[in-house]
């Protein structure tokens, strides 16, 4: 069962401060030591309350003006190979396979690419396509960001 400290900690870690000691900031707000907060977070992970923690970067504010989801048409026997190659690329922030059975859309692998310019992004994608041997792809540029926020449970 979660106590008052747990609820506060879980609420606060959704939006950690951008600083050198974000868990110290949480500790001060909750009224515990940083070590106690970290111990509780490790407990949440061990108990399965938290499966993963990550950050969400606003790529527009970091100078990456060209952002696009690239959809690839990949044969079923090559999905794992292509997925692993795409996931290892530094300019790719997420990569996944979609079930396309029963759909008119034939592109089953999606990877989000980020670059400083449109030309840089297109050159990167072209080189990746040639290296992987997958030349059927669509570049779907980000036009507007509607929401960028993680799930909140408390």
N, C-alpha and C. Protein backbone atom coordinates (compact mmCIF):
# COMPACT_ATOMS: atom_id res chain seq x y z
N UNK A 1 0.84 -1.18 0.00
CA UNK A 1 0.00 0.00 0.00
C UNK A 1 0.89 1.25 0.00
N UNK A 2 0.47 2.24 -0.74
CA UNK A 2 1.25 3.47 -0.83
C UNK A 2 0.91 4.40 0.33
N UNK A 3 1.96 4.99 0.92
CA UNK A 3 1.71 5.97 1.98
C UNK A 3 1.77 7.38 1.37
N UNK A 4 1.63 8.39 2.21
CA UNK A 4 1.60 9.79 1.76
C UNK A 4 2.90 10.17 1.06
N UNK A 5 4.04 9.72 1.61
CA UNK A 5 5.33 10.01 0.97
C UNK A 5 5.38 9.40 -0.43
N UNK A 6 4.94 8.15 -0.53
CA UNK A 6 4.98 7.47 -1.83
C UNK A 6 4.17 8.23 -2.88
N UNK A 7 2.99 8.63 -2.53
CA UNK A 7 2.13 9.36 -3.47
C UNK A 7 2.78 10.68 -3.90
N UNK A 8 3.38 11.40 -2.95
CA UNK A 8 4.05 12.66 -3.29
C UNK A 8 5.24 12.41 -4.20
N UNK A 9 6.04 11.41 -3.85
CA UNK A 9 7.23 11.11 -4.66
C UNK A 9 6.82 10.72 -6.08
N UNK A 10 5.85 9.82 -6.19
CA UNK A 10 5.42 9.37 -7.52
C UNK A 10 4.83 10.51 -8.34
N UNK A 11 4.17 11.44 -7.69
CA UNK A 11 3.63 12.60 -8.39
C UNK A 11 4.76 13.53 -8.85
N UNK A 12 5.72 13.78 -7.98
CA UNK A 12 6.79 14.72 -8.29
C UNK A 12 7.78 14.21 -9.34
N UNK A 13 8.01 12.90 -9.41
CA UNK A 13 9.01 12.41 -10.37
C UNK A 13 8.48 12.42 -11.80
N UNK A 14 7.21 12.72 -11.98
CA UNK A 14 6.69 12.90 -13.35
C UNK A 14 7.32 14.11 -14.01
N UNK A 15 7.66 15.12 -13.24
CA UNK A 15 8.24 16.36 -13.77
C UNK A 15 9.46 16.74 -12.94
N UNK A 16 10.55 16.00 -13.09
CA UNK A 16 11.77 16.30 -12.34
C UNK A 16 12.36 17.64 -12.77
N UNK A 17 12.96 18.33 -11.83
CA UNK A 17 13.63 19.59 -12.13
C UNK A 17 14.85 19.34 -13.00
N UNK A 18 15.14 20.29 -13.86
CA UNK A 18 16.36 20.21 -14.68
C UNK A 18 17.47 20.85 -13.87
N UNK A 19 18.21 20.01 -13.16
CA UNK A 19 19.30 20.48 -12.31
C UNK A 19 20.22 19.30 -12.03
N UNK A 20 21.31 19.56 -11.31
CA UNK A 20 22.29 18.51 -11.06
C UNK A 20 21.81 17.48 -10.03
N UNK A 21 20.84 17.83 -9.17
CA UNK A 21 20.35 16.90 -8.17
C UNK A 21 18.81 16.93 -8.10
N UNK A 22 18.15 16.42 -9.13
CA UNK A 22 16.68 16.50 -9.16
C UNK A 22 16.02 15.73 -8.01
N UNK A 23 16.63 14.66 -7.55
CA UNK A 23 16.02 13.89 -6.46
C UNK A 23 16.17 14.59 -5.11
N UNK A 24 17.17 15.45 -5.01
CA UNK A 24 17.30 16.28 -3.81
C UNK A 24 16.14 17.28 -3.75
N UNK A 25 15.77 17.82 -4.91
CA UNK A 25 14.63 18.75 -4.98
C UNK A 25 13.35 18.04 -4.55
N UNK A 26 13.16 16.80 -5.04
CA UNK A 26 11.99 16.01 -4.64
C UNK A 26 12.02 15.77 -3.13
N UNK A 27 13.19 15.40 -2.61
CA UNK A 27 13.33 15.13 -1.17
C UNK A 27 12.93 16.34 -0.34
N UNK A 28 13.38 17.51 -0.76
CA UNK A 28 13.04 18.74 -0.02
C UNK A 28 11.54 19.01 -0.05
N UNK A 29 10.91 18.74 -1.18
CA UNK A 29 9.47 18.97 -1.30
C UNK A 29 8.65 17.96 -0.50
N UNK A 30 9.19 16.75 -0.35
CA UNK A 30 8.46 15.69 0.36
C UNK A 30 8.76 15.70 1.86
N UNK A 31 9.96 16.14 2.22
CA UNK A 31 10.34 16.14 3.63
C UNK A 31 11.14 14.92 4.04
N UNK A 32 11.85 14.33 3.08
CA UNK A 32 12.73 13.20 3.36
C UNK A 32 14.13 13.56 2.87
N UNK A 33 15.09 12.69 3.16
CA UNK A 33 16.43 12.89 2.61
C UNK A 33 16.47 12.38 1.18
N UNK A 34 17.46 12.83 0.43
CA UNK A 34 17.62 12.36 -0.95
C UNK A 34 17.83 10.84 -0.97
N UNK A 35 18.60 10.32 0.00
CA UNK A 35 18.85 8.88 0.08
C UNK A 35 17.55 8.10 0.30
N UNK A 36 16.67 8.65 1.15
CA UNK A 36 15.38 7.99 1.40
C UNK A 36 14.51 7.99 0.15
N UNK A 37 14.51 9.10 -0.56
CA UNK A 37 13.72 9.18 -1.79
C UNK A 37 14.25 8.17 -2.81
N UNK A 38 15.56 8.12 -2.99
CA UNK A 38 16.15 7.17 -3.95
C UNK A 38 15.87 5.73 -3.55
N UNK A 39 15.93 5.44 -2.26
CA UNK A 39 15.63 4.08 -1.77
C UNK A 39 14.18 3.72 -2.08
N UNK A 40 13.27 4.65 -1.87
CA UNK A 40 11.86 4.39 -2.17
C UNK A 40 11.65 4.17 -3.67
N UNK A 41 12.30 4.99 -4.51
CA UNK A 41 12.17 4.83 -5.96
C UNK A 41 12.71 3.46 -6.38
N UNK A 42 13.84 3.05 -5.82
CA UNK A 42 14.37 1.71 -6.13
C UNK A 42 13.39 0.63 -5.70
N UNK A 43 12.71 0.84 -4.57
CA UNK A 43 11.69 -0.10 -4.12
C UNK A 43 10.52 -0.17 -5.09
N UNK A 44 10.11 0.98 -5.63
CA UNK A 44 9.01 0.99 -6.61
C UNK A 44 9.40 0.19 -7.85
N UNK A 45 10.66 0.33 -8.25
CA UNK A 45 11.15 -0.41 -9.42
C UNK A 45 11.16 -1.90 -9.12
N UNK A 46 11.69 -2.29 -7.97
CA UNK A 46 11.75 -3.71 -7.60
C UNK A 46 10.36 -4.34 -7.49
N UNK A 47 9.39 -3.57 -7.01
CA UNK A 47 8.02 -4.08 -6.86
C UNK A 47 7.22 -4.03 -8.16
N UNK A 48 7.79 -3.39 -9.18
CA UNK A 48 7.12 -3.31 -10.47
C UNK A 48 6.18 -2.13 -10.61
N UNK A 49 6.15 -1.22 -9.62
CA UNK A 49 5.31 -0.01 -9.74
C UNK A 49 5.83 0.86 -10.87
N UNK A 50 7.14 0.90 -11.01
CA UNK A 50 7.79 1.64 -12.09
C UNK A 50 8.51 0.63 -12.97
N UNK A 51 8.17 0.63 -14.26
CA UNK A 51 8.82 -0.29 -15.20
C UNK A 51 9.98 0.37 -15.91
N UNK A 52 9.86 1.67 -16.16
CA UNK A 52 10.94 2.39 -16.81
C UNK A 52 10.82 3.86 -16.50
N UNK A 53 11.95 4.52 -16.54
CA UNK A 53 11.99 5.97 -16.36
C UNK A 53 12.78 6.53 -17.53
N UNK A 54 12.32 7.64 -18.05
CA UNK A 54 13.02 8.25 -19.17
C UNK A 54 12.72 9.73 -19.21
N UNK A 55 13.37 10.39 -20.13
CA UNK A 55 13.13 11.83 -20.29
C UNK A 55 12.48 12.09 -21.64
N UNK A 56 11.79 13.17 -21.71
CA UNK A 56 11.21 13.63 -22.96
C UNK A 56 11.89 14.95 -23.31
N UNK A 57 12.57 14.96 -24.43
CA UNK A 57 13.31 16.13 -24.86
C UNK A 57 12.49 16.87 -25.91
N UNK A 58 12.37 18.17 -25.76
CA UNK A 58 11.73 18.99 -26.78
C UNK A 58 12.78 19.25 -27.85
N UNK A 59 12.75 18.43 -28.91
CA UNK A 59 13.80 18.51 -29.93
C UNK A 59 13.81 19.86 -30.65
N UNK A 60 12.68 20.54 -30.73
CA UNK A 60 12.66 21.86 -31.38
C UNK A 60 13.53 22.86 -30.60
N UNK A 61 13.54 22.77 -29.27
CA UNK A 61 14.32 23.68 -28.45
C UNK A 61 15.81 23.35 -28.44
N UNK A 62 16.17 22.15 -28.89
CA UNK A 62 17.58 21.76 -28.90
C UNK A 62 18.25 21.99 -30.25
N UNK A 63 17.52 22.57 -31.19
CA UNK A 63 18.12 22.88 -32.49
C UNK A 63 17.86 21.86 -33.57
N UNK A 64 17.08 20.84 -33.30
CA UNK A 64 16.74 19.85 -34.31
C UNK A 64 15.46 20.30 -35.00
N UNK A 65 15.64 21.00 -36.12
CA UNK A 65 14.51 21.60 -36.83
C UNK A 65 13.80 20.61 -37.75
N UNK A 66 14.48 19.55 -38.16
CA UNK A 66 13.88 18.56 -39.05
C UNK A 66 13.60 17.29 -38.26
N UNK A 67 12.34 16.96 -38.17
CA UNK A 67 11.91 15.79 -37.41
C UNK A 67 10.88 15.05 -38.25
N UNK A 68 11.09 13.76 -38.41
CA UNK A 68 10.17 13.01 -39.27
C UNK A 68 10.07 11.57 -38.82
N UNK A 69 8.86 11.04 -38.92
CA UNK A 69 8.64 9.62 -38.76
C UNK A 69 8.89 9.01 -40.14
N UNK A 70 9.77 8.04 -40.19
CA UNK A 70 10.05 7.37 -41.46
C UNK A 70 9.42 6.00 -41.40
N UNK A 71 8.54 5.74 -42.35
CA UNK A 71 7.84 4.46 -42.44
C UNK A 71 8.54 3.61 -43.49
N UNK A 72 8.87 2.38 -43.12
CA UNK A 72 9.61 1.47 -43.99
C UNK A 72 8.75 0.25 -44.32
N UNK A 73 8.81 -0.20 -45.57
CA UNK A 73 8.15 -1.45 -45.94
C UNK A 73 9.22 -2.53 -45.91
N UNK A 74 9.10 -3.40 -44.90
CA UNK A 74 10.13 -4.41 -44.64
C UNK A 74 9.51 -5.80 -44.72
N UNK A 75 10.15 -6.70 -45.43
CA UNK A 75 9.69 -8.09 -45.50
C UNK A 75 9.73 -8.71 -44.11
N UNK A 76 8.78 -9.60 -43.83
CA UNK A 76 8.63 -10.20 -42.50
C UNK A 76 9.93 -10.82 -41.99
N UNK A 77 10.69 -11.48 -42.85
CA UNK A 77 11.92 -12.14 -42.41
C UNK A 77 13.02 -11.15 -42.06
N UNK A 78 12.88 -9.88 -42.45
CA UNK A 78 13.90 -8.86 -42.18
C UNK A 78 13.53 -7.89 -41.06
N UNK A 79 12.35 -8.04 -40.48
CA UNK A 79 11.87 -7.08 -39.49
C UNK A 79 12.83 -6.94 -38.31
N UNK A 80 13.27 -8.03 -37.72
CA UNK A 80 14.17 -7.94 -36.56
C UNK A 80 15.50 -7.30 -36.93
N UNK A 81 16.07 -7.70 -38.05
CA UNK A 81 17.36 -7.14 -38.48
C UNK A 81 17.24 -5.62 -38.70
N UNK A 82 16.22 -5.21 -39.43
CA UNK A 82 16.03 -3.79 -39.73
C UNK A 82 15.71 -3.00 -38.46
N UNK A 83 14.84 -3.55 -37.62
CA UNK A 83 14.50 -2.88 -36.37
C UNK A 83 15.71 -2.65 -35.50
N UNK A 84 16.57 -3.66 -35.39
CA UNK A 84 17.78 -3.52 -34.57
C UNK A 84 18.74 -2.49 -35.16
N UNK A 85 18.87 -2.46 -36.48
CA UNK A 85 19.74 -1.48 -37.12
C UNK A 85 19.21 -0.06 -36.90
N UNK A 86 17.92 0.13 -37.10
CA UNK A 86 17.33 1.46 -36.91
C UNK A 86 17.43 1.92 -35.46
N UNK A 87 17.17 1.01 -34.53
CA UNK A 87 17.20 1.36 -33.11
C UNK A 87 18.60 1.77 -32.65
N UNK A 88 19.63 1.34 -33.35
CA UNK A 88 21.00 1.66 -32.96
C UNK A 88 21.48 3.00 -33.51
N UNK A 89 20.69 3.65 -34.33
CA UNK A 89 21.10 4.92 -34.94
C UNK A 89 20.88 6.06 -33.94
N UNK A 90 21.91 6.86 -33.66
CA UNK A 90 21.79 7.94 -32.67
C UNK A 90 20.70 8.96 -32.97
N UNK A 91 20.42 9.24 -34.24
CA UNK A 91 19.42 10.24 -34.57
C UNK A 91 17.99 9.69 -34.54
N UNK A 92 17.83 8.42 -34.20
CA UNK A 92 16.51 7.80 -34.08
C UNK A 92 16.13 7.74 -32.60
N UNK A 93 14.99 8.34 -32.25
CA UNK A 93 14.57 8.35 -30.85
C UNK A 93 13.62 7.23 -30.50
N UNK A 94 12.86 6.74 -31.44
CA UNK A 94 12.06 5.56 -31.19
C UNK A 94 11.79 4.82 -32.49
N UNK A 95 11.59 3.52 -32.35
CA UNK A 95 11.47 2.65 -33.50
C UNK A 95 10.55 1.51 -33.12
N UNK A 96 9.60 1.18 -33.97
CA UNK A 96 8.68 0.10 -33.64
C UNK A 96 8.07 -0.52 -34.89
N UNK A 97 7.53 -1.72 -34.70
CA UNK A 97 6.83 -2.44 -35.75
C UNK A 97 5.34 -2.30 -35.54
N UNK A 98 4.59 -2.16 -36.62
CA UNK A 98 3.12 -2.10 -36.56
C UNK A 98 2.55 -3.25 -37.37
N UNK A 99 1.48 -3.82 -36.87
CA UNK A 99 0.76 -4.87 -37.60
C UNK A 99 0.01 -4.21 -38.74
N UNK A 100 0.24 -4.67 -39.95
CA UNK A 100 -0.40 -4.06 -41.11
C UNK A 100 -1.40 -4.99 -41.78
N UNK A 101 -1.69 -6.12 -41.15
CA UNK A 101 -2.64 -7.05 -41.75
C UNK A 101 -4.02 -6.40 -41.83
N UNK A 102 -4.63 -6.53 -42.99
CA UNK A 102 -5.96 -5.97 -43.19
C UNK A 102 -5.97 -4.47 -43.45
N UNK A 103 -4.83 -3.87 -43.66
CA UNK A 103 -4.77 -2.43 -43.91
C UNK A 103 -4.29 -2.16 -45.33
N UNK A 104 -4.57 -0.98 -45.82
CA UNK A 104 -4.10 -0.58 -47.15
C UNK A 104 -2.67 -0.03 -47.10
N UNK A 105 -2.16 0.20 -45.91
CA UNK A 105 -0.83 0.78 -45.69
C UNK A 105 0.17 -0.37 -45.58
N UNK A 106 1.21 -0.38 -46.39
CA UNK A 106 2.15 -1.50 -46.45
C UNK A 106 3.42 -1.29 -45.62
N UNK A 107 3.52 -0.17 -44.94
CA UNK A 107 4.74 0.17 -44.21
C UNK A 107 4.61 -0.30 -42.77
N UNK A 108 5.51 -1.20 -42.36
CA UNK A 108 5.35 -1.88 -41.07
C UNK A 108 6.39 -1.52 -40.02
N UNK A 109 7.44 -0.81 -40.38
CA UNK A 109 8.44 -0.37 -39.41
C UNK A 109 8.47 1.17 -39.42
N UNK A 110 8.47 1.73 -38.20
CA UNK A 110 8.46 3.19 -38.06
C UNK A 110 9.63 3.62 -37.19
N UNK A 111 10.32 4.67 -37.61
CA UNK A 111 11.45 5.19 -36.85
C UNK A 111 11.41 6.72 -36.90
N UNK A 112 11.55 7.35 -35.74
CA UNK A 112 11.53 8.81 -35.65
C UNK A 112 12.95 9.33 -35.76
N UNK A 113 13.21 10.09 -36.82
CA UNK A 113 14.53 10.67 -37.08
C UNK A 113 14.52 12.16 -36.72
N UNK A 114 15.66 12.63 -36.24
CA UNK A 114 15.83 14.05 -35.92
C UNK A 114 17.13 14.53 -36.54
N UNK A 115 17.10 15.74 -37.10
CA UNK A 115 18.30 16.33 -37.71
C UNK A 115 18.21 17.85 -37.62
N UNK A 116 19.32 18.50 -37.84
CA UNK A 116 19.35 19.97 -37.77
C UNK A 116 18.64 20.60 -38.97
N UNK A 117 18.73 19.94 -40.13
CA UNK A 117 18.09 20.47 -41.34
C UNK A 117 17.36 19.34 -42.07
N UNK A 118 16.45 19.74 -42.94
CA UNK A 118 15.71 18.77 -43.76
C UNK A 118 16.68 18.01 -44.67
N UNK A 119 17.64 18.73 -45.22
CA UNK A 119 18.61 18.09 -46.12
C UNK A 119 19.43 17.04 -45.36
N UNK A 120 19.85 17.38 -44.14
CA UNK A 120 20.61 16.42 -43.32
C UNK A 120 19.77 15.19 -43.03
N UNK A 121 18.51 15.38 -42.69
CA UNK A 121 17.63 14.26 -42.39
C UNK A 121 17.46 13.37 -43.63
N UNK A 122 17.20 13.97 -44.75
CA UNK A 122 16.99 13.19 -45.98
C UNK A 122 18.24 12.43 -46.38
N UNK A 123 19.40 13.05 -46.21
CA UNK A 123 20.67 12.39 -46.53
C UNK A 123 20.90 11.21 -45.58
N UNK A 124 20.61 11.41 -44.30
CA UNK A 124 20.76 10.33 -43.31
C UNK A 124 19.85 9.17 -43.65
N UNK A 125 18.58 9.45 -43.92
CA UNK A 125 17.61 8.40 -44.22
C UNK A 125 18.02 7.65 -45.49
N UNK A 126 18.45 8.38 -46.51
CA UNK A 126 18.88 7.75 -47.76
C UNK A 126 20.06 6.80 -47.51
N UNK A 127 21.04 7.27 -46.73
CA UNK A 127 22.19 6.42 -46.43
C UNK A 127 21.81 5.19 -45.62
N UNK A 128 20.93 5.37 -44.65
CA UNK A 128 20.45 4.24 -43.84
C UNK A 128 19.72 3.24 -44.72
N UNK A 129 18.86 3.74 -45.59
CA UNK A 129 18.10 2.86 -46.49
C UNK A 129 19.04 2.03 -47.36
N UNK A 130 20.06 2.67 -47.91
CA UNK A 130 21.02 1.95 -48.75
C UNK A 130 21.80 0.93 -47.93
N UNK A 131 22.24 1.30 -46.73
CA UNK A 131 22.99 0.38 -45.87
C UNK A 131 22.16 -0.84 -45.49
N UNK A 132 20.86 -0.63 -45.22
CA UNK A 132 19.99 -1.73 -44.79
C UNK A 132 19.47 -2.55 -45.97
N UNK A 133 19.51 -1.95 -47.16
CA UNK A 133 18.95 -2.63 -48.33
C UNK A 133 17.42 -2.57 -48.35
N UNK A 134 16.87 -1.53 -47.73
CA UNK A 134 15.41 -1.33 -47.72
C UNK A 134 15.16 0.04 -48.33
N UNK A 135 14.74 0.05 -49.59
CA UNK A 135 14.62 1.30 -50.32
C UNK A 135 13.19 1.82 -50.43
N UNK A 136 12.23 1.07 -49.91
CA UNK A 136 10.83 1.51 -49.94
C UNK A 136 10.47 2.12 -48.60
N UNK A 137 10.44 3.44 -48.55
CA UNK A 137 10.14 4.16 -47.31
C UNK A 137 9.44 5.47 -47.63
N UNK A 138 8.77 6.01 -46.63
CA UNK A 138 8.10 7.30 -46.72
C UNK A 138 8.58 8.17 -45.57
N UNK A 139 8.94 9.41 -45.86
CA UNK A 139 9.34 10.36 -44.82
C UNK A 139 8.12 11.23 -44.50
N UNK A 140 7.67 11.16 -43.26
CA UNK A 140 6.49 11.90 -42.82
C UNK A 140 6.96 12.97 -41.83
N UNK A 141 7.11 14.19 -42.32
CA UNK A 141 7.66 15.28 -41.50
C UNK A 141 6.69 15.74 -40.42
N UNK A 142 7.24 16.10 -39.28
CA UNK A 142 6.45 16.69 -38.22
C UNK A 142 6.07 18.10 -38.64
N UNK A 143 4.79 18.37 -38.66
CA UNK A 143 4.32 19.71 -39.01
C UNK A 143 4.00 20.52 -37.77
N UNK A 144 3.41 19.86 -36.78
CA UNK A 144 3.03 20.54 -35.55
C UNK A 144 2.99 19.51 -34.44
N UNK A 145 3.47 19.90 -33.29
CA UNK A 145 3.43 19.01 -32.13
C UNK A 145 2.22 19.38 -31.28
N UNK A 146 1.33 18.42 -31.09
CA UNK A 146 0.11 18.68 -30.34
C UNK A 146 0.29 18.41 -28.86
N UNK A 147 1.03 17.37 -28.54
CA UNK A 147 1.20 17.02 -27.14
C UNK A 147 2.50 16.26 -26.98
N UNK A 148 3.19 16.56 -25.91
CA UNK A 148 4.39 15.80 -25.58
C UNK A 148 4.42 15.69 -24.08
N UNK A 149 3.87 14.63 -23.58
CA UNK A 149 3.77 14.46 -22.14
C UNK A 149 3.67 12.98 -21.85
N UNK A 150 4.24 12.56 -20.75
CA UNK A 150 4.16 11.16 -20.37
C UNK A 150 2.85 10.86 -19.66
N UNK A 151 2.63 9.60 -19.39
CA UNK A 151 1.45 9.18 -18.67
C UNK A 151 1.53 9.64 -17.22
N UNK A 152 0.39 9.94 -16.67
CA UNK A 152 0.32 10.32 -15.26
C UNK A 152 -0.72 9.45 -14.59
N UNK A 153 -0.37 8.87 -13.46
CA UNK A 153 -1.28 7.95 -12.80
C UNK A 153 -1.82 8.49 -11.49
N UNK A 154 -1.14 9.43 -10.88
CA UNK A 154 -1.59 9.97 -9.60
C UNK A 154 -1.97 11.42 -9.73
